[in-house]
Amino acid sequence: MNFHTGLAHFWAQSDAVIHATALILLLLSVASWWIIATRALEIRRAQRAAQRAVAAFWEEKTLQSALDALVREDRSGAFVTVAQAGLAAAQAHQRRGNQSIGAGLDPADYIAQALRQGITEAQGRLESGLSFLASVGATAPFIGLFGTVWGIYHALVGLAGATQVVLEKVAGPVGEALIMTAAGLFVAIPAVLAFNACVRANRLLLARLDAFAYALHGYLVGGIRPKGASGDVEPAAPHKTRSAA
């Protein structure tokens, strides 16, 4: 009996529980590979943005043109989210700084809080789907093991009442039931590997987002340009403060 015949025979002799378990594993596998493909594309876009978009931002002469360049180069939207949050906070503090509520706010803290919120939003976008991959990696082997146990039980029930049980009659059904364990591992292993790879890539991207946010914060608060910036960006809302935390 070849491999394809074994799978066909196993599917034909299994019951609805095994069919449902196999379909669940199939759906988990399809969903996992979809998330893996989309996450890989988004991470690649963010990596390219980290190399080109930030440089394009600091090469512009006005904040609006710098933001336009960032939108054009950053197709992932991660750096755009942080920049928009910082610029909006700087402009809002400038408009409302003399009012009763805004008067007591330190511009450095206000802008820093907005930048942190932008980083959190970008992080949530980068980590979208990773919890699903982690869940699949943790549960798929047990789903496959359940299918194996149920398949063995189903095979032994089929042998009940036989006057003579030989190894050939037991080994075939049991071996075919073990296919469910292999299917569970086939679903889980790519999900675990992809999850670890995405977590590592996101950690590096978040470090670059932090560096960009820190440089933008220093410029919006104190007019301090990052080292190596070649443009002459004029801040929309310059502030003077004791520190640029």
Protein backbone atom coordinates (compact mmCIF):
# COMPACT_ATOMS: atom_id res chain seq x y z
CA MET A 1 0.00 0.00 0.00
CA ASN A 2 1.51 3.31 -1.02
CA PHE A 3 1.24 6.57 0.89
CA HIS A 4 -1.67 8.02 -1.08
CA THR A 5 -3.65 4.82 -0.79
CA GLY A 6 -2.99 4.80 2.97
CA LEU A 7 -4.37 8.31 3.37
CA ALA A 8 -7.41 7.47 1.28
CA HIS A 9 -8.01 4.30 3.25
CA PHE A 10 -7.61 6.13 6.55
CA TRP A 11 -10.08 8.82 5.47
CA ALA A 12 -12.58 6.25 4.22
CA GLN A 13 -12.58 4.19 7.39
CA SER A 14 -12.51 7.11 9.86
CA ASP A 15 -15.63 8.60 11.39
CA ALA A 16 -17.02 12.14 11.65
CA VAL A 17 -14.82 13.03 14.63
CA ILE A 18 -11.64 12.35 12.67
CA HIS A 19 -13.02 14.19 9.66
CA ALA A 20 -13.83 17.24 11.79
CA THR A 21 -10.40 17.15 13.46
CA ALA A 22 -8.63 16.95 10.11
CA LEU A 23 -10.67 19.84 8.74
CA ILE A 24 -9.82 21.95 11.80
CA LEU A 25 -6.12 21.28 11.25
CA LEU A 26 -6.49 22.16 7.59
CA LEU A 27 -8.18 25.46 8.40
CA LEU A 28 -5.54 26.29 11.00
CA SER A 29 -2.81 25.54 8.48
CA VAL A 30 -4.36 27.73 5.77
CA ALA A 31 -4.92 30.59 8.21
CA SER A 32 -1.38 30.28 9.57
CA TRP A 33 0.23 30.41 6.15
CA TRP A 34 -1.92 33.41 5.24
CA ILE A 35 -0.76 35.27 8.35
CA ILE A 36 2.84 34.21 7.73
CA ALA A 37 2.72 35.60 4.19
CA THR A 38 1.08 38.89 5.19
CA ARG A 39 3.39 39.41 8.18
CA ALA A 40 6.46 38.71 6.06
CA LEU A 41 5.28 41.33 3.55
CA GLU A 42 4.57 43.93 6.23
CA ILE A 43 7.90 43.33 7.97
CA ARG A 44 9.73 43.65 4.67
CA ARG A 45 7.96 46.95 3.97
CA ALA A 46 8.81 48.25 7.44
CA GLN A 47 12.46 47.24 7.03
CA ARG A 48 12.69 49.14 3.77
CA ALA A 49 11.00 52.13 5.42
CA ALA A 50 13.52 52.08 8.24
CA GLN A 51 16.32 52.39 5.70
CA ARG A 52 14.84 54.94 3.29
CA ALA A 53 11.84 56.74 4.79
CA VAL A 54 13.62 58.16 7.82
CA ALA A 55 16.43 59.51 5.66
CA ALA A 56 13.89 61.04 3.28
CA PHE A 57 12.10 62.65 6.23
CA TRP A 58 15.17 64.49 7.48
CA GLU A 59 16.23 65.59 3.99
CA GLU A 60 13.14 67.79 3.51
CA LYS A 61 13.08 71.50 4.36
CA THR A 62 9.63 71.76 5.98
CA LEU A 63 7.77 69.48 8.32
CA GLN A 64 4.86 69.13 5.92
CA SER A 65 7.12 68.12 3.03
CA ALA A 66 9.01 65.82 5.41
CA LEU A 67 5.76 64.15 6.43
CA ASP A 68 4.73 63.84 2.77
CA ALA A 69 8.05 62.17 1.97
CA LEU A 70 7.60 59.79 4.90
CA VAL A 71 4.11 58.85 3.72
CA ARG A 72 5.47 58.25 0.24
CA GLU A 73 8.38 56.06 1.36
CA ASP A 74 6.88 54.30 4.39
CA ARG A 75 4.37 51.87 2.88
CA SER A 76 4.11 49.99 6.17
CA GLY A 77 2.73 53.06 7.95
CA ALA A 78 4.71 52.41 11.14
CA PHE A 79 6.98 55.47 10.97
CA VAL A 80 4.17 57.62 9.56
CA THR A 81 2.03 56.82 12.61
CA VAL A 82 4.78 57.94 15.00
CA ALA A 83 5.56 61.11 13.04
CA GLN A 84 1.93 62.13 12.76
CA ALA A 85 1.41 61.61 16.48
CA GLY A 86 4.41 63.76 17.37
CA LEU A 87 3.61 66.57 14.96
CA ALA A 88 -0.04 66.65 15.98
CA ALA A 89 0.95 66.86 19.65
CA ALA A 90 3.40 69.71 18.99
CA GLN A 91 0.82 71.69 17.05
CA ALA A 92 -1.91 71.02 19.61
CA HIS A 93 0.28 72.18 22.48
CA GLN A 94 1.20 75.34 20.62
CA ARG A 95 -2.47 76.18 19.99
CA ARG A 96 -3.68 75.37 23.50
CA GLY A 97 -0.60 76.06 25.60
CA ASN A 98 -1.98 79.31 26.93
CA GLN A 99 -5.35 77.90 27.91
CA SER A 100 -6.16 76.76 31.42
CA ILE A 101 -5.72 73.02 30.80
CA GLY A 102 -2.70 73.17 28.51
CA ALA A 103 -0.88 75.84 30.48
CA GLY A 104 0.39 73.42 33.09
CA LEU A 105 1.61 70.78 30.64
CA ASP A 106 5.31 70.46 29.92
CA PRO A 107 5.71 70.34 26.11
CA ALA A 108 8.45 67.71 26.36
CA ASP A 109 6.23 65.37 28.36
CA TYR A 110 3.20 66.08 26.20
CA ILE A 111 5.00 65.30 22.94
CA ALA A 112 6.77 62.30 24.46
CA GLN A 113 3.44 60.82 25.54
CA ALA A 114 2.02 61.28 22.05
CA LEU A 115 5.07 59.61 20.51
CA ARG A 116 4.75 56.67 22.90
CA GLN A 117 1.12 56.29 21.88
CA GLY A 118 2.17 56.34 18.23
CA ILE A 119 4.77 53.63 18.87
CA THR A 120 2.19 51.53 20.69
CA GLU A 121 -0.22 51.85 17.76
CA ALA A 122 2.51 50.92 15.27
CA GLN A 123 3.54 48.00 17.47
CA GLY A 124 -0.01 46.68 17.53
CA ARG A 125 -0.10 46.82 13.75
CA LEU A 126 3.24 45.00 13.42
CA GLU A 127 2.20 42.29 15.88
CA SER A 128 -1.20 41.67 14.32
CA GLY A 129 -1.80 37.94 13.92
CA LEU A 130 1.14 36.81 16.02
CA SER A 131 -1.07 35.69 18.91
CA PHE A 132 -2.91 33.44 16.47
CA LEU A 133 0.36 31.87 15.32
CA ALA A 134 1.36 31.29 18.94
CA SER A 135 -2.00 29.66 19.67
CA VAL A 136 -1.72 27.40 16.63
CA GLY A 137 1.80 26.38 17.57
CA ALA A 138 0.68 25.50 21.08
CA THR A 139 -2.58 23.70 20.30
CA ALA A 140 -2.16 22.02 16.89
CA PRO A 141 -0.02 19.11 18.23
CA PHE A 142 -2.67 18.33 20.84
CA ILE A 143 -5.44 18.50 18.26
CA GLY A 144 -3.52 16.02 16.15
CA LEU A 145 -2.89 13.85 19.19
CA PHE A 146 -6.61 13.84 19.94
CA GLY A 147 -7.23 12.64 16.40
CA THR A 148 -4.67 9.88 16.87
CA VAL A 149 -6.17 8.69 20.14
CA TRP A 150 -9.67 8.76 18.71
CA GLY A 151 -8.51 6.93 15.58
CA ILE A 152 -6.88 4.19 17.64
CA TYR A 153 -10.01 3.90 19.76
CA HIS A 154 -12.14 3.69 16.64
CA ALA A 155 -9.84 1.00 15.19
CA LEU A 156 -9.94 -1.07 18.39
CA VAL A 157 -13.72 -0.81 18.56
CA GLY A 158 -13.84 -2.16 15.02
CA LEU A 159 -11.82 -5.19 16.14
CA ALA A 160 -14.09 -5.89 19.11
CA GLY A 161 -15.71 -9.30 18.96
CA ALA A 162 -13.09 -10.76 16.62
CA THR A 163 -12.20 -14.31 17.56
CA GLN A 164 -8.56 -13.80 16.53
CA VAL A 165 -6.63 -10.54 16.37
CA VAL A 166 -3.38 -10.59 14.45
CA LEU A 167 -0.73 -7.87 14.32
CA GLU A 168 -1.51 -7.09 10.68
CA LYS A 169 -5.09 -6.13 11.50
CA VAL A 170 -4.01 -3.83 14.35
CA ALA A 171 -0.88 -2.25 12.89
CA GLY A 172 -2.66 -0.88 9.80
CA PRO A 173 -5.40 1.12 11.57
CA VAL A 174 -3.05 2.28 14.34
CA GLY A 175 -0.43 3.41 11.85
CA GLU A 176 -3.03 5.30 9.85
CA ALA A 177 -4.31 6.96 13.02
CA LEU A 178 -0.81 8.26 13.73
CA ILE A 179 -1.17 10.37 10.59
CA MET A 180 -3.17 12.81 12.71
CA THR A 181 -0.19 13.36 15.01
CA ALA A 182 2.00 14.09 12.00
CA ALA A 183 -0.65 16.47 10.66
CA GLY A 184 -0.71 18.36 13.96
CA LEU A 185 3.07 18.75 13.90
CA PHE A 186 2.95 19.82 10.25
CA VAL A 187 0.59 22.65 11.23
CA ALA A 188 2.38 23.63 14.46
CA ILE A 189 6.04 23.73 13.40
CA PRO A 190 5.75 26.43 10.70
CA ALA A 191 3.58 28.54 13.01
CA VAL A 192 6.15 28.38 15.83
CA LEU A 193 9.09 29.15 13.54
CA ALA A 194 7.25 32.05 11.91
CA PHE A 195 6.19 33.43 15.31
CA ASN A 196 9.78 33.47 16.58
CA ALA A 197 11.06 35.06 13.36
CA CYS A 198 8.38 37.77 13.44
CA VAL A 199 9.02 38.55 17.10
CA ARG A 200 12.72 39.02 16.43
CA ALA A 201 12.10 41.19 13.35
CA ASN A 202 9.54 43.30 15.20
CA ARG A 203 11.96 43.82 18.09
CA LEU A 204 14.53 45.28 15.69
CA LEU A 205 11.89 47.46 14.00
CA LEU A 206 10.64 48.77 17.33
CA ALA A 207 14.21 49.72 18.26
CA ARG A 208 14.40 51.78 15.06
CA LEU A 209 10.99 53.31 15.78
CA ASP A 210 12.22 54.30 19.24
CA ALA A 211 15.31 55.91 17.73
CA PHE A 212 13.22 57.84 15.20
CA ALA A 213 10.77 58.96 17.90
CA TYR A 214 13.65 60.09 20.13
CA ALA A 215 15.20 62.13 17.31
CA LEU A 216 11.84 63.67 16.38
CA HIS A 217 11.13 64.49 20.02
CA GLY A 218 14.45 66.28 20.38
CA TYR A 219 13.78 68.32 17.26
CA LEU A 220 10.20 69.26 18.08
CA VAL A 221 11.08 70.25 21.64
CA GLY A 222 14.50 71.83 21.34
CA GLY A 223 15.25 72.09 17.63
CA ILE A 224 18.02 69.50 17.96
CA ARG A 225 18.59 67.75 14.65
CA PRO A 226 19.83 64.15 14.57
CA LYS A 227 23.48 63.72 13.68
CA GLY A 228 23.98 63.37 9.95
CA ALA A 229 20.67 64.96 8.90
CA SER A 230 21.21 66.98 5.74
CA GLY A 231 17.98 68.95 5.43
CA ASP A 232 16.83 72.14 7.11
CA VAL A 233 13.45 71.20 8.49
CA GLU A 234 11.71 74.02 10.32
CA PRO A 235 9.67 72.77 13.29
CA ALA A 236 6.00 73.70 13.22
CA ALA A 237 5.89 74.20 16.98
CA PRO A 238 9.32 74.90 18.51
CA HIS A 239 9.51 74.66 22.30
CA LYS A 240 12.13 75.52 24.84
CA THR A 241 12.38 73.29 27.80
CA ARG A 242 14.87 72.11 30.39
CA SER A 243 15.10 68.60 28.97
CA ALA A 244 14.05 66.50 25.99
CA ALA A 245 13.32 63.21 27.65
